Structure formats: C-alpha cells, structure tokens
Amino acid sequence: MLIKEPLRFSLRYFIALTTDERNTLLLPLLENGWKLVNNRDAINKVIIFKDFNQAFGFMTKVSLMAEKMNHHPEWFNVYNKVDITLSTHDVGGLSNNDIKLATFIDNNI
C-alpha cells in the first residue's frame, strides 16, 4: 500500500496578491505572454504547439503539478491549442498559487 505524505503549502499561497506583489510578480508573466482577463481578477495564456501530442503531453505535465499544488487551472484544448486561465477561487482573484503555476507552465512549454 502506497502512503502519500500530504503536501504542505503555506497559508500564504491562499491569500490574494497585494498591490505591491501584483506590480512585481505579474510583470514577468505579462512580458511572457500572459494577459489580464477583462472583468475578472485572473490571467490567461493561449499556447500553440506543433500538434495534439505535444499539447496533450504539456497538459499532462501541468496537471501533475496542479494536483500536487491542489490548484487546478481552467483550461481547454483543441488540437494543438491550449487556453489556460488562472485564478484562485478561494480568494476571489489572483494569489501566489497562480504565480507559481504560471511560472511552472512557462518553464515547461
């Protein structure tokens, strides 16, 4: 029987970003293709891959990290396109969890 240790994340990951954090932490993401979502405190990125296999492989890798973080993206996939939106429902907007997952996504494209 496999016993899994629960991941422990600081409560800091479940607190909305402050204005200073938004100004500092969002800038590199926005410079890397993420966009602020209109009428919602969220970020979005559309990624185009060579084909479905690459897109699905990417989604599989991200899903494993998302599960470890217990922080799941809103996303959909059509053939080689993956459309991702990140926001933390527990805080009603962006949190450090979104920054961490977006950075992981960018590092794994």
Protein backbone atom coordinates (compact mmCIF):
# COMPACT_ATOMS: atom_id res chain seq x y z
CA MET A 1 0.00 0.00 0.00
CA LEU A 2 1.37 3.40 -1.00
CA ILE A 3 1.15 6.06 1.67
CA LYS A 4 1.34 9.58 0.39
CA GLU A 5 2.52 12.39 2.58
CA PRO A 6 0.28 15.44 2.23
CA LEU A 7 1.91 18.43 0.61
CA ARG A 8 2.17 21.35 2.93
CA PHE A 9 1.76 24.76 1.44
CA SER A 10 1.98 27.90 3.45
CA LEU A 11 -1.31 29.67 4.01
CA ARG A 12 0.42 32.50 2.16
CA TYR A 13 -0.49 30.70 -1.05
CA PHE A 14 -4.15 31.23 -0.36
CA ILE A 15 -4.07 34.98 0.18
CA ALA A 16 -4.85 37.41 -2.64
CA LEU A 17 -1.87 39.26 -4.08
CA THR A 18 -1.24 42.70 -2.62
CA THR A 19 -0.83 45.69 -4.91
CA ASP A 20 2.96 45.57 -4.48
CA GLU A 21 3.03 41.83 -5.22
CA ARG A 22 0.88 42.34 -8.31
CA ASN A 23 3.24 45.03 -9.60
CA THR A 24 6.30 42.85 -9.02
CA LEU A 25 5.20 39.27 -9.62
CA LEU A 26 2.85 39.76 -12.57
CA LEU A 27 5.26 41.80 -14.70
CA PRO A 28 7.48 38.87 -15.82
CA LEU A 29 4.38 36.83 -16.67
CA LEU A 30 2.80 39.65 -18.67
CA GLU A 31 6.09 40.10 -20.52
CA ASN A 32 6.00 36.38 -21.32
CA GLY A 33 2.59 36.36 -22.99
CA TRP A 34 0.13 36.14 -20.10
CA LYS A 35 -2.75 38.63 -20.24
CA LEU A 36 -5.03 40.04 -17.59
CA VAL A 37 -8.61 38.82 -18.04
CA ASN A 38 -11.25 41.53 -18.52
CA ASN A 39 -13.86 41.85 -15.74
CA ARG A 40 -12.12 39.26 -13.57
CA ASP A 41 -9.01 39.03 -11.40
CA ALA A 42 -7.31 36.31 -13.46
CA ILE A 43 -4.57 35.77 -16.03
CA ASN A 44 -4.82 33.91 -19.32
CA LYS A 45 -2.42 32.48 -21.86
CA VAL A 46 -3.01 30.68 -25.16
CA ILE A 47 -0.24 28.31 -26.21
CA ILE A 48 0.07 26.78 -29.67
CA PHE A 49 2.00 23.53 -30.01
CA LYS A 50 3.22 21.61 -33.06
CA ASP A 51 0.45 19.02 -32.76
CA PHE A 52 -2.04 17.37 -30.42
CA ASN A 53 0.56 15.03 -28.89
CA GLN A 54 2.73 17.94 -27.76
CA ALA A 55 -0.29 19.82 -26.40
CA PHE A 56 -1.55 16.78 -24.52
CA GLY A 57 1.91 15.96 -23.15
CA PHE A 58 2.21 19.52 -21.86
CA MET A 59 -1.23 19.33 -20.24
CA THR A 60 -0.29 16.05 -18.58
CA LYS A 61 2.86 17.57 -17.08
CA VAL A 62 0.96 20.64 -15.85
CA SER A 63 -1.87 18.51 -14.45
CA LEU A 64 0.59 16.57 -12.28
CA MET A 65 1.95 19.79 -10.77
CA ALA A 66 -1.54 21.25 -10.39
CA GLU A 67 -2.62 18.17 -8.48
CA LYS A 68 0.41 18.41 -6.17
CA MET A 69 -0.43 22.06 -5.54
CA ASN A 70 -4.15 21.35 -5.22
CA HIS A 71 -4.58 24.30 -7.57
CA HIS A 72 -6.24 23.49 -10.86
CA PRO A 73 -6.29 25.68 -13.97
CA GLU A 74 -9.34 26.47 -16.03
CA TRP A 75 -8.28 25.28 -19.44
CA PHE A 76 -9.37 23.75 -22.68
CA ASN A 77 -7.61 22.11 -25.57
CA VAL A 78 -8.47 21.99 -29.25
CA TYR A 79 -5.94 20.01 -31.29
CA ASN A 80 -2.66 21.91 -30.83
CA LYS A 81 -4.04 24.86 -28.83
CA VAL A 82 -4.19 25.05 -25.03
CA ASP A 83 -6.06 28.00 -23.50
CA ILE A 84 -5.29 28.45 -19.78
CA THR A 85 -6.86 30.78 -17.21
CA LEU A 86 -5.53 31.02 -13.67
CA SER A 87 -7.26 32.48 -10.63
CA THR A 88 -7.70 31.33 -7.03
CA HIS A 89 -11.37 30.82 -6.28
CA ASP A 90 -10.75 30.69 -2.50
CA VAL A 91 -9.56 34.31 -2.51
CA GLY A 92 -11.70 35.57 -5.40
CA GLY A 93 -8.72 36.51 -7.55
CA LEU A 94 -5.02 36.12 -8.11
CA SER A 95 -2.78 34.60 -5.44
CA ASN A 96 0.81 33.39 -5.21
CA ASN A 97 -0.51 29.97 -6.25
CA ASP A 98 -1.37 31.43 -9.66
CA ILE A 99 2.09 32.98 -9.98
CA LYS A 100 3.75 29.69 -9.06
CA LEU A 101 1.65 27.64 -11.50
CA ALA A 102 2.04 30.19 -14.33
CA THR A 103 5.81 30.17 -13.83
CA PHE A 104 5.83 26.36 -13.89
CA ILE A 105 3.78 26.46 -17.11
CA ASP A 106 6.18 28.91 -18.75
CA ASN A 107 9.16 26.77 -17.75
CA ASN A 108 7.58 23.67 -19.30
CA ILE A 109 6.41 24.90 -22.69
